[in-house]
Amino acid sequence: MQRRLSAIVMTDMVGYSRLMEQDEAATLSRQKSHRNGLINPALANHHGRVVKTTGDGLPAEFPSVVEAVAYSADFQREMAKREADQPKDKRIDYRIGIHLDDVFL
């Protein structure tokens, strides 16, 4: 079995169920806007790739921890700007975890 060392970034929307319950259409629309306008370009800029998508989560693989951390910092900084005009109870925030581990090929 082959292995390689990879940095995995797990992104998860805070309060997804609550936001969907409040306004499903608006939440999905804003989530899609963030994915297309911020997440996908930031992943490309930092050489990341989406491993899988879930309703409110997104695991991505990076070739180095440096790229994973840079992506995460850029992502959090830009998300704060993008959501600054939203009331706190409607704001989309993401949690991010970074893992360095062997990936089985």
PDB file of N, CA and C in Angstrom:
ATOM      1  N   MET A   1       0.847  -1.178   0.000  1.00  0.00           N
ATOM      2  CA  MET A   1       0.000   0.000   0.000  1.00  0.00           C
ATOM      3  C   MET A   1       0.896   1.247   0.000  1.00  0.00           C
ATOM      4  N   GLN A   2       0.626   2.159  -0.907  1.00  0.00           N
ATOM      5  CA  GLN A   2       1.395   3.394  -0.968  1.00  0.00           C
ATOM      6  C   GLN A   2       0.777   4.450  -0.065  1.00  0.00           C
ATOM      7  N   ARG A   3       1.642   5.291   0.471  1.00  0.00           N
ATOM      8  CA  ARG A   3       1.211   6.401   1.319  1.00  0.00           C
ATOM      9  C   ARG A   3       1.954   7.662   0.890  1.00  0.00           C
ATOM     10  N   ARG A   4       1.353   8.799   1.210  1.00  0.00           N
ATOM     11  CA  ARG A   4       2.052  10.071   1.045  1.00  0.00           C
ATOM     12  C   ARG A   4       1.605  10.989   2.181  1.00  0.00           C
ATOM     13  N   LEU A   5       2.476  11.874   2.560  1.00  0.00           N
ATOM     14  CA  LEU A   5       2.172  12.832   3.606  1.00  0.00           C
ATOM     15  C   LEU A   5       1.399  13.995   2.994  1.00  0.00           C
ATOM     16  N   SER A   6       0.264  14.329   3.588  1.00  0.00           N
ATOM     17  CA  SER A   6      -0.563  15.428   3.092  1.00  0.00           C
ATOM     18  C   SER A   6      -1.093  16.245   4.251  1.00  0.00           C
ATOM     19  N   ALA A   7      -1.363  17.500   3.965  1.00  0.00           N
ATOM     20  CA  ALA A   7      -2.046  18.372   4.916  1.00  0.00           C
ATOM     21  C   ALA A   7      -3.521  18.390   4.525  1.00  0.00           C
ATOM     22  N   ILE A   8      -4.365  18.053   5.479  1.00  0.00           N
ATOM     23  CA  ILE A   8      -5.806  18.024   5.242  1.00  0.00           C
ATOM     24  C   ILE A   8      -6.449  19.158   6.035  1.00  0.00           C
ATOM     25  N   VAL A   9      -7.248  19.956   5.364  1.00  0.00           N
ATOM     26  CA  VAL A   9      -7.984  21.043   6.004  1.00  0.00           C
ATOM     27  C   VAL A   9      -9.459  20.666   6.010  1.00  0.00           C
ATOM     28  N   MET A  10     -10.035  20.597   7.198  1.00  0.00           N
ATOM     29  CA  MET A  10     -11.464  20.315   7.355  1.00  0.00           C
ATOM     30  C   MET A  10     -12.166  21.639   7.654  1.00  0.00           C
ATOM     31  N   THR A  11     -13.123  21.981   6.823  1.00  0.00           N
ATOM     32  CA  THR A  11     -13.894  23.211   6.983  1.00  0.00           C
ATOM     33  C   THR A  11     -15.339  22.839   7.269  1.00  0.00           C
ATOM     34  N   ASP A  12     -15.923  23.479   8.280  1.00  0.00           N
ATOM     35  CA  ASP A  12     -17.280  23.157   8.724  1.00  0.00           C
ATOM     36  C   ASP A  12     -18.006  24.448   9.082  1.00  0.00           C
ATOM     37  N   MET A  13     -19.226  24.614   8.565  1.00  0.00           N
ATOM     38  CA  MET A  13     -20.004  25.809   8.851  1.00  0.00           C
ATOM     39  C   MET A  13     -20.576  25.751  10.268  1.00  0.00           C
ATOM     40  N   VAL A  14     -20.354  26.800  11.036  1.00  0.00           N
ATOM     41  CA  VAL A  14     -20.880  26.902  12.394  1.00  0.00           C
ATOM     42  C   VAL A  14     -22.382  27.188  12.315  1.00  0.00           C
ATOM     43  N   GLY A  15     -23.190  26.416  13.040  1.00  0.00           N
ATOM     44  CA  GLY A  15     -24.630  26.683  13.123  1.00  0.00           C
ATOM     45  C   GLY A  15     -25.390  26.411  11.838  1.00  0.00           C
ATOM     46  N   TYR A  16     -24.905  25.485  11.028  1.00  0.00           N
ATOM     47  CA  TYR A  16     -25.535  25.191   9.735  1.00  0.00           C
ATOM     48  C   TYR A  16     -27.019  24.859   9.880  1.00  0.00           C
ATOM     49  N   SER A  17     -27.368  23.970  10.790  1.00  0.00           N
ATOM     50  CA  SER A  17     -28.774  23.573  10.958  1.00  0.00           C
ATOM     51  C   SER A  17     -29.638  24.758  11.358  1.00  0.00           C
ATOM     52  N   ARG A  18     -29.140  25.585  12.262  1.00  0.00           N
ATOM     53  CA  ARG A  18     -29.891  26.764  12.702  1.00  0.00           C
ATOM     54  C   ARG A  18     -30.097  27.733  11.548  1.00  0.00           C
ATOM     55  N   LEU A  19     -29.036  27.986  10.775  1.00  0.00           N
ATOM     56  CA  LEU A  19     -29.142  28.902   9.640  1.00  0.00           C
ATOM     57  C   LEU A  19     -30.106  28.364   8.579  1.00  0.00           C
ATOM     58  N   MET A  20     -30.044  27.054   8.324  1.00  0.00           N
ATOM     59  CA  MET A  20     -30.954  26.444   7.348  1.00  0.00           C
ATOM     60  C   MET A  20     -32.397  26.531   7.827  1.00  0.00           C
ATOM     61  N   GLU A  21     -32.603  26.351   9.117  1.00  0.00           N
ATOM     62  CA  GLU A  21     -33.960  26.446   9.676  1.00  0.00           C
ATOM     63  C   GLU A  21     -34.499  27.869   9.560  1.00  0.00           C
ATOM     64  N   GLN A  22     -33.647  28.863   9.777  1.00  0.00           N
ATOM     65  CA  GLN A  22     -34.069  30.265   9.697  1.00  0.00           C
ATOM     66  C   GLN A  22     -34.440  30.665   8.270  1.00  0.00           C
ATOM     67  N   ASP A  23     -33.565  30.319   7.309  1.00  0.00           N
ATOM     68  CA  ASP A  23     -33.803  30.719   5.920  1.00  0.00           C
ATOM     69  C   ASP A  23     -32.954  29.847   5.003  1.00  0.00           C
ATOM     70  N   GLU A  24     -33.521  28.734   4.600  1.00  0.00           N
ATOM     71  CA  GLU A  24     -32.805  27.749   3.797  1.00  0.00           C
ATOM     72  C   GLU A  24     -32.287  28.334   2.482  1.00  0.00           C
ATOM     73  N   ALA A  25     -33.143  29.017   1.763  1.00  0.00           N
ATOM     74  CA  ALA A  25     -32.769  29.545   0.443  1.00  0.00           C
ATOM     75  C   ALA A  25     -31.626  30.551   0.547  1.00  0.00           C
ATOM     76  N   ALA A  26     -31.716  31.471   1.498  1.00  0.00           N
ATOM     77  CA  ALA A  26     -30.669  32.485   1.653  1.00  0.00           C
ATOM     78  C   ALA A  26     -29.357  31.855   2.102  1.00  0.00           C
ATOM     79  N   THR A  27     -29.426  30.891   3.013  1.00  0.00           N
ATOM     80  CA  THR A  27     -28.218  30.227   3.496  1.00  0.00           C
ATOM     81  C   THR A  27     -27.519  29.492   2.358  1.00  0.00           C
ATOM     82  N   LEU A  28     -28.268  28.736   1.584  1.00  0.00           N
ATOM     83  CA  LEU A  28     -27.679  27.997   0.462  1.00  0.00           C
ATOM     84  C   LEU A  28     -27.104  28.941  -0.595  1.00  0.00           C
ATOM     85  N   SER A  29     -27.796  30.034  -0.847  1.00  0.00           N
ATOM     86  CA  SER A  29     -27.329  31.008  -1.826  1.00  0.00           C
ATOM     87  C   SER A  29     -26.018  31.655  -1.378  1.00  0.00           C
ATOM     88  N   ARG A  30     -25.952  32.059  -0.115  1.00  0.00           N
ATOM     89  CA  ARG A  30     -24.729  32.666   0.400  1.00  0.00           C
ATOM     90  C   ARG A  30     -23.598  31.653   0.459  1.00  0.00           C
ATOM     91  N   GLN A  31     -23.911  30.426   0.846  1.00  0.00           N
ATOM     92  CA  GLN A  31     -22.900  29.377   0.894  1.00  0.00           C
ATOM     93  C   GLN A  31     -22.314  29.137  -0.511  1.00  0.00           C
ATOM     94  N   LYS A  32     -23.178  29.083  -1.505  1.00  0.00           N
ATOM     95  CA  LYS A  32     -22.726  28.889  -2.887  1.00  0.00           C
ATOM     96  C   LYS A  32     -21.870  30.068  -3.345  1.00  0.00           C
ATOM     97  N   SER A  33     -22.268  31.272  -2.980  1.00  0.00           N
ATOM     98  CA  SER A  33     -21.508  32.465  -3.335  1.00  0.00           C
ATOM     99  C   SER A  33     -20.111  32.423  -2.710  1.00  0.00           C
ATOM    100  N   HIS A  34     -20.025  32.011  -1.446  1.00  0.00           N
ATOM    101  CA  HIS A  34     -18.725  31.900  -0.776  1.00  0.00           C
ATOM    102  C   HIS A  34     -17.869  30.810  -1.425  1.00  0.00           C
ATOM    103  N   ARG A  35     -18.495  29.720  -1.804  1.00  0.00           N
ATOM    104  CA  ARG A  35     -17.752  28.615  -2.438  1.00  0.00           C
ATOM    105  C   ARG A  35     -17.157  29.069  -3.768  1.00  0.00           C
ATOM    106  N   ASN A  36     -17.981  29.721  -4.588  1.00  0.00           N
ATOM    107  CA  ASN A  36     -17.518  30.149  -5.916  1.00  0.00           C
ATOM    108  C   ASN A  36     -16.609  31.371  -5.872  1.00  0.00           C
ATOM    109  N   GLY A  37     -16.907  32.312  -4.987  1.00  0.00           N
ATOM    110  CA  GLY A  37     -16.173  33.573  -4.957  1.00  0.00           C
ATOM    111  C   GLY A  37     -14.958  33.599  -4.058  1.00  0.00           C
ATOM    112  N   LEU A  38     -14.891  32.668  -3.107  1.00  0.00           N
ATOM    113  CA  LEU A  38     -13.786  32.688  -2.152  1.00  0.00           C
ATOM    114  C   LEU A  38     -13.094  31.333  -2.019  1.00  0.00           C
ATOM    115  N   ILE A  39     -13.850  30.313  -1.691  1.00  0.00           N
ATOM    116  CA  ILE A  39     -13.244  29.017  -1.377  1.00  0.00           C
ATOM    117  C   ILE A  39     -12.505  28.422  -2.568  1.00  0.00           C
ATOM    118  N   ASN A  40     -13.188  28.277  -3.704  1.00  0.00           N
ATOM    119  CA  ASN A  40     -12.539  27.667  -4.875  1.00  0.00           C
ATOM    120  C   ASN A  40     -11.305  28.445  -5.339  1.00  0.00           C
ATOM    121  N   PRO A  41     -11.387  29.777  -5.457  1.00  0.00           N
ATOM    122  CA  PRO A  41     -10.185  30.516  -5.855  1.00  0.00           C
ATOM    123  C   PRO A  41      -9.048  30.410  -4.826  1.00  0.00           C
ATOM    124  N   ALA A  42      -9.385  30.437  -3.537  1.00  0.00           N
ATOM    125  CA  ALA A  42      -8.350  30.330  -2.501  1.00  0.00           C
ATOM    126  C   ALA A  42      -7.693  28.955  -2.530  1.00  0.00           C
ATOM    127  N   LEU A  43      -8.492  27.910  -2.749  1.00  0.00           N
ATOM    128  CA  LEU A  43      -7.921  26.569  -2.881  1.00  0.00           C
ATOM    129  C   LEU A  43      -6.931  26.524  -4.040  1.00  0.00           C
ATOM    130  N   ALA A  44      -7.319  27.064  -5.169  1.00  0.00           N
ATOM    131  CA  ALA A  44      -6.440  27.070  -6.346  1.00  0.00           C
ATOM    132  C   ALA A  44      -5.158  27.861  -6.077  1.00  0.00           C
ATOM    133  N   ASN A  45      -5.294  29.010  -5.417  1.00  0.00           N
ATOM    134  CA  ASN A  45      -4.124  29.845  -5.122  1.00  0.00           C
ATOM    135  C   ASN A  45      -3.125  29.149  -4.206  1.00  0.00           C
ATOM    136  N   HIS A  46      -3.616  28.239  -3.376  1.00  0.00           N
ATOM    137  CA  HIS A  46      -2.754  27.558  -2.404  1.00  0.00           C
ATOM    138  C   HIS A  46      -2.549  26.084  -2.742  1.00  0.00           C
ATOM    139  N   HIS A  47      -2.849  25.713  -3.982  1.00  0.00           N
ATOM    140  CA  HIS A  47      -2.584  24.362  -4.487  1.00  0.00           C
ATOM    141  C   HIS A  47      -3.364  23.279  -3.738  1.00  0.00           C
ATOM    142  N   GLY A  48      -4.564  23.641  -3.279  1.00  0.00           N
ATOM    143  CA  GLY A  48      -5.413  22.672  -2.590  1.00  0.00           C
ATOM    144  C   GLY A  48      -6.409  22.052  -3.543  1.00  0.00           C
ATOM    145  N   ARG A  49      -6.950  20.918  -3.116  1.00  0.00           N
ATOM    146  CA  ARG A  49      -7.995  20.284  -3.918  1.00  0.00           C
ATOM    147  C   ARG A  49      -9.065  19.737  -2.986  1.00  0.00           C
ATOM    148  N   VAL A  50     -10.308  19.854  -3.409  1.00  0.00           N
ATOM    149  CA  VAL A  50     -11.430  19.343  -2.640  1.00  0.00           C
ATOM    150  C   VAL A  50     -11.399  17.823  -2.693  1.00  0.00           C
ATOM    151  N   VAL A  51     -11.525  17.192  -1.540  1.00  0.00           N
ATOM    152  CA  VAL A  51     -11.566  15.740  -1.459  1.00  0.00           C
ATOM    153  C   VAL A  51     -13.004  15.263  -1.575  1.00  0.00           C
ATOM    154  N   LYS A  52     -13.922  15.985  -0.929  1.00  0.00           N
ATOM    155  CA  LYS A  52     -15.332  15.609  -0.896  1.00  0.00           C
ATOM    156  C   LYS A  52     -16.119  16.811  -0.391  1.00  0.00           C
ATOM    157  N   THR A  53     -17.366  16.920  -0.803  1.00  0.00           N
ATOM    158  CA  THR A  53     -18.216  17.964  -0.241  1.00  0.00           C
ATOM    159  C   THR A  53     -19.338  17.310   0.554  1.00  0.00           C
ATOM    160  N   THR A  54     -19.729  17.991   1.607  1.00  0.00           N
ATOM    161  CA  THR A  54     -20.891  17.580   2.397  1.00  0.00           C
ATOM    162  C   THR A  54     -21.783  18.800   2.512  1.00  0.00           C
ATOM    163  N   GLY A  55     -22.900  18.686   3.176  1.00  0.00           N
ATOM    164  CA  GLY A  55     -23.821  19.813   3.286  1.00  0.00           C
ATOM    165  C   GLY A  55     -23.163  21.077   3.796  1.00  0.00           C
ATOM    166  N   ASP A  56     -22.432  20.952   4.889  1.00  0.00           N
ATOM    167  CA  ASP A  56     -21.817  22.136   5.482  1.00  0.00           C
ATOM    168  C   ASP A  56     -20.314  21.993   5.671  1.00  0.00           C
ATOM    169  N   GLY A  57     -19.739  20.930   5.139  1.00  0.00           N
ATOM    170  CA  GLY A  57     -18.316  20.687   5.348  1.00  0.00           C
ATOM    171  C   GLY A  57     -17.571  20.501   4.049  1.00  0.00           C
ATOM    172  N   LEU A  58     -16.248  20.638   4.151  1.00  0.00           N
ATOM    173  CA  LEU A  58     -15.418  20.530   2.962  1.00  0.00           C
ATOM    174  C   LEU A  58     -14.013  20.099   3.373  1.00  0.00           C
ATOM    175  N   PRO A  59     -13.673  18.837   3.187  1.00  0.00           N
ATOM    176  CA  PRO A  59     -12.279  18.446   3.385  1.00  0.00           C
ATOM    177  C   PRO A  59     -11.473  18.732   2.117  1.00  0.00           C
ATOM    178  N   ALA A  60     -10.307  19.317   2.301  1.00  0.00           N
ATOM    179  CA  ALA A  60      -9.425  19.630   1.176  1.00  0.00           C
ATOM    180  C   ALA A  60      -8.017  19.157   1.506  1.00  0.00           C
ATOM    181  N   GLU A  61      -7.293  18.750   0.466  1.00  0.00           N
ATOM    182  CA  GLU A  61      -5.932  18.264   0.623  1.00  0.00           C
ATOM    183  C   GLU A  61      -4.956  19.288   0.051  1.00  0.00           C
ATOM    184  N   PHE A  62      -3.836  19.473   0.749  1.00  0.00           N
ATOM    185  CA  PHE A  62      -2.784  20.401   0.337  1.00  0.00           C
ATOM    186  C   PHE A  62      -1.451  19.668   0.318  1.00  0.00           C
ATOM    187  N   PRO A  63      -0.545  20.084  -0.564  1.00  0.00           N
ATOM    188  CA  PRO A  63       0.747  19.411  -0.646  1.00  0.00           C
ATOM    189  C   PRO A  63       1.680  19.743   0.522  1.00  0.00           C
ATOM    190  N   SER A  64       1.360  20.791   1.278  1.00  0.00           N
ATOM    191  CA  SER A  64       2.218  21.162   2.409  1.00  0.00           C
ATOM    192  C   SER A  64       1.387  21.822   3.499  1.00  0.00           C
ATOM    193  N   VAL A  65       1.915  21.760   4.711  1.00  0.00           N
ATOM    194  CA  VAL A  65       1.270  22.425   5.841  1.00  0.00           C
ATOM    195  C   VAL A  65       1.312  23.939   5.652  1.00  0.00           C
ATOM    196  N   VAL A  66       2.380  24.447   5.079  1.00  0.00           N
ATOM    197  CA  VAL A  66       2.513  25.884   4.842  1.00  0.00           C
ATOM    198  C   VAL A  66       1.356  26.372   3.971  1.00  0.00           C
ATOM    199  N   GLU A  67       1.047  25.662   2.892  1.00  0.00           N
ATOM    200  CA  GLU A  67      -0.068  26.044   2.014  1.00  0.00           C
ATOM    201  C   GLU A  67      -1.401  25.908   2.742  1.00  0.00           C
ATOM    202  N   ALA A  68      -1.557  24.869   3.539  1.00  0.00           N
ATOM    203  CA  ALA A  68      -2.812  24.658   4.281  1.00  0.00           C
ATOM    204  C   ALA A  68      -3.060  25.788   5.276  1.00  0.00           C
ATOM    205  N   VAL A  69      -2.025  26.183   5.991  1.00  0.00           N
ATOM    206  CA  VAL A  69      -2.159  27.269   6.965  1.00  0.00           C
ATOM    207  C   VAL A  69      -2.403  28.600   6.259  1.00  0.00           C
ATOM    208  N   ALA A  70      -1.686  28.855   5.177  1.00  0.00           N
ATOM    209  CA  ALA A  70      -1.882  30.103   4.424  1.00  0.00           C
ATOM    210  C   ALA A  70      -3.304  30.180   3.867  1.00  0.00           C
ATOM    211  N   TYR A  71      -3.796  29.077   3.311  1.00  0.00           N
ATOM    212  CA  TYR A  71      -5.170  29.026   2.813  1.00  0.00           C
ATOM    213  C   TYR A  71      -6.147  29.333   3.948  1.00  0.00           C
ATOM    214  N   SER A  72      -5.962  28.661   5.070  1.00  0.00           N
ATOM    215  CA  SER A  72      -6.889  28.811   6.198  1.00  0.00           C
ATOM    216  C   SER A  72      -6.914  30.238   6.719  1.00  0.00           C
ATOM    217  N   ALA A  73      -5.747  30.863   6.848  1.00  0.00           N
ATOM    218  CA  ALA A  73      -5.678  32.247   7.323  1.00  0.00           C
ATOM    219  C   ALA A  73      -6.335  33.195   6.324  1.00  0.00           C
ATOM    220  N   ASP A  74      -6.038  33.025   5.040  1.00  0.00           N
ATOM    221  CA  ASP A  74      -6.666  33.863   4.008  1.00  0.00           C
ATOM    222  C   ASP A  74      -8.171  33.673   3.998  1.00  0.00           C
ATOM    223  N   PHE A  75      -8.605  32.428   4.068  1.00  0.00           N
ATOM    224  CA  PHE A  75     -10.029  32.109   4.052  1.00  0.00           C
ATOM    225  C   PHE A  75     -10.749  32.762   5.226  1.00  0.00           C
ATOM    226  N   GLN A  76     -10.229  32.618   6.439  1.00  0.00           N
ATOM    227  CA  GLN A  76     -10.891  33.189   7.621  1.00  0.00           C
ATOM    228  C   GLN A  76     -10.925  34.716   7.553  1.00  0.00           C
ATOM    229  N   ARG A  77      -9.847  35.313   7.108  1.00  0.00           N
ATOM    230  CA  ARG A  77      -9.777  36.774   6.999  1.00  0.00           C
ATOM    231  C   ARG A  77     -10.821  37.296   5.992  1.00  0.00           C
ATOM    232  N   GLU A  78     -10.891  36.653   4.828  1.00  0.00           N
ATOM    233  CA  GLU A  78     -11.836  37.089   3.796  1.00  0.00           C
ATOM    234  C   GLU A  78     -13.284  36.799   4.175  1.00  0.00           C
ATOM    235  N   MET A  79     -13.526  35.679   4.854  1.00  0.00           N
ATOM    236  CA  MET A  79     -14.898  35.376   5.294  1.00  0.00           C
ATOM    237  C   MET A  79     -15.398  36.434   6.261  1.00  0.00           C
ATOM    238  N   ALA A  80     -14.545  36.865   7.161  1.00  0.00           N
ATOM    239  CA  ALA A  80     -14.943  37.908   8.116  1.00  0.00           C
ATOM    240  C   ALA A  80     -15.359  39.178   7.374  1.00  0.00           C
ATOM    241  N   LYS A  81     -14.641  39.533   6.325  1.00  0.00           N
ATOM    242  CA  LYS A  81     -14.995  40.706   5.526  1.00  0.00           C
ATOM    243  C   LYS A  81     -16.311  40.488   4.786  1.00  0.00           C
ATOM    244  N   ARG A  82     -16.471  39.308   4.190  1.00  0.00           N
ATOM    245  CA  ARG A  82     -17.665  39.020   3.390  1.00  0.00           C
ATOM    246  C   ARG A  82     -18.938  39.000   4.229  1.00  0.00           C
ATOM    247  N   GLU A  83     -18.821  38.621   5.483  1.00  0.00           N
ATOM    248  CA  GLU A  83     -20.003  38.477   6.345  1.00  0.00           C
ATOM    249  C   GLU A  83     -20.166  39.618   7.343  1.00  0.00           C
ATOM    250  N   ALA A  84     -19.325  40.631   7.277  1.00  0.00           N
ATOM    251  CA  ALA A  84     -19.329  41.716   8.255  1.00  0.00           C
ATOM    252  C   ALA A  84     -20.661  42.465   8.327  1.00  0.00           C
ATOM    253  N   ASP A  85     -21.382  42.541   7.220  1.00  0.00           N
ATOM    254  CA  ASP A  85     -22.644  43.281   7.203  1.00  0.00           C
ATOM    255  C   ASP A  85     -23.840  42.454   7.681  1.00  0.00           C
ATOM    256  N   GLN A  86     -23.633  41.191   7.960  1.00  0.00           N
ATOM    257  CA  GLN A  86     -24.719  40.315   8.411  1.00  0.00           C
ATOM    258  C   GLN A  86     -24.897  40.428   9.932  1.00  0.00           C
ATOM    259  N   PRO A  87     -26.152  40.372  10.406  1.00  0.00           N
ATOM    260  CA  PRO A  87     -26.351  40.319  11.862  1.00  0.00           C
ATOM    261  C   PRO A  87     -25.673  39.062  12.418  1.00  0.00           C
ATOM    262  N   LYS A  88     -25.184  39.140  13.643  1.00  0.00           N
ATOM    263  CA  LYS A  88     -24.412  38.041  14.239  1.00  0.00           C
ATOM    264  C   LYS A  88     -25.160  36.709  14.178  1.00  0.00           C
ATOM    265  N   ASP A  89     -26.478  36.718  14.387  1.00  0.00           N
ATOM    266  CA  ASP A  89     -27.243  35.457  14.399  1.00  0.00           C
ATOM    267  C   ASP A  89     -27.477  34.891  12.997  1.00  0.00           C
ATOM    268  N   LYS A  90     -27.165  35.643  11.958  1.00  0.00           N
ATOM    269  CA  LYS A  90     -27.325  35.165  10.585  1.00  0.00           C
ATOM    270  C   LYS A  90     -25.981  35.004   9.862  1.00  0.00           C
ATOM    271  N   ARG A  91     -24.915  35.362  10.543  1.00  0.00           N
ATOM    272  CA  ARG A  91     -23.578  35.334   9.946  1.00  0.00           C
ATOM    273  C   ARG A  91     -23.128  33.894   9.687  1.00  0.00           C
ATOM    274  N   ILE A  92     -22.504  33.681   8.543  1.00  0.00           N
ATOM    275  CA  ILE A  92     -21.897  32.394   8.236  1.00  0.00           C
ATOM    276  C   ILE A  92     -20.438  32.444   8.683  1.00  0.00           C
ATOM    277  N   ASP A  93     -20.115  31.552   9.606  1.00  0.00           N
ATOM    278  CA  ASP A  93     -18.747  31.392  10.090  1.00  0.00           C
ATOM    279  C   ASP A  93     -18.338  29.950   9.843  1.00  0.00           C
ATOM    280  N   TYR A  94     -17.071  29.739   9.621  1.00  0.00           N
ATOM    281  CA  TYR A  94     -16.547  28.395   9.412  1.00  0.00           C
ATOM    282  C   TYR A  94     -15.485  28.072  10.458  1.00  0.00           C
ATOM    283  N   ARG A  95     -15.518  26.840  10.932  1.00  0.00           N
ATOM    284  CA  ARG A  95     -14.434  26.302  11.753  1.00  0.00           C
ATOM    285  C   ARG A  95     -13.479  25.610  10.803  1.00  0.00           C
ATOM    286  N   ILE A  96     -12.197  25.680  11.121  1.00  0.00           N
ATOM    287  CA  ILE A  96     -11.200  25.015  10.291  1.00  0.00           C
ATOM    288  C   ILE A  96     -10.256  24.228  11.189  1.00  0.00           C
ATOM    289  N   GLY A  97     -10.013  22.989  10.792  1.00  0.00           N
ATOM    290  CA  GLY A  97      -9.020  22.158  11.455  1.00  0.00           C
ATOM    291  C   GLY A  97      -7.993  21.727  10.426  1.00  0.00           C
ATOM    292  N   ILE A  98      -6.733  21.711  10.835  1.00  0.00           N
ATOM    293  CA  ILE A  98      -5.651  21.304   9.928  1.00  0.00           C
ATOM    294  C   ILE A  98      -4.991  20.055  10.494  1.00  0.00           C
ATOM    295  N   HIS A  99      -4.865  19.049   9.652  1.00  0.00           N
ATOM    296  CA  HIS A  99      -4.280  17.778  10.050  1.00  0.00           C
ATOM    297  C   HIS A  99      -3.141  17.436   9.096  1.00  0.00           C
ATOM    298  N   LEU A 100      -2.067  16.921   9.631  1.00  0.00           N
ATOM    299  CA  LEU A 100      -0.973  16.416   8.828  1.00  0.00           C
ATOM    300  C   LEU A 100      -0.918  14.915   9.052  1.00  0.00           C
ATOM    301  N   ASP A 101      -1.055  14.154   7.971  1.00  0.00           N
ATOM    302  CA  ASP A 101      -1.143  12.710   8.138  1.00  0.00           C
ATOM    303  C   ASP A 101      -0.797  11.993   6.846  1.00  0.00           C
ATOM    304  N   ASP A 102      -0.608  10.696   6.968  1.00  0.00           N
ATOM    305  CA  ASP A 102      -0.424   9.857   5.795  1.00  0.00           C
ATOM    306  C   ASP A 102      -1.763   9.670   5.091  1.00  0.00           C
ATOM    307  N   VAL A 103      -1.725   9.738   3.773  1.00  0.00           N
ATOM    308  CA  VAL A 103      -2.895   9.469   2.955  1.00  0.00           C
ATOM    309  C   VAL A 103      -2.585   8.204   2.171  1.00  0.00           C
ATOM    310  N   PHE A 104      -3.528   7.279   2.187  1.00  0.00           N
ATOM    311  CA  PHE A 104      -3.355   6.039   1.447  1.00  0.00           C
ATOM    312  C   PHE A 104      -3.755   6.247   0.004  1.00  0.00           C
ATOM    313  N   LEU A 105      -2.950   5.751  -0.911  1.00  0.00           N
ATOM    314  CA  LEU A 105      -3.230   5.909  -2.337  1.00  0.00           C
ATOM    315  C   LEU A 105      -3.901   4.655  -2.892  1.00  0.00           C
TER     316      LEU A 105
END
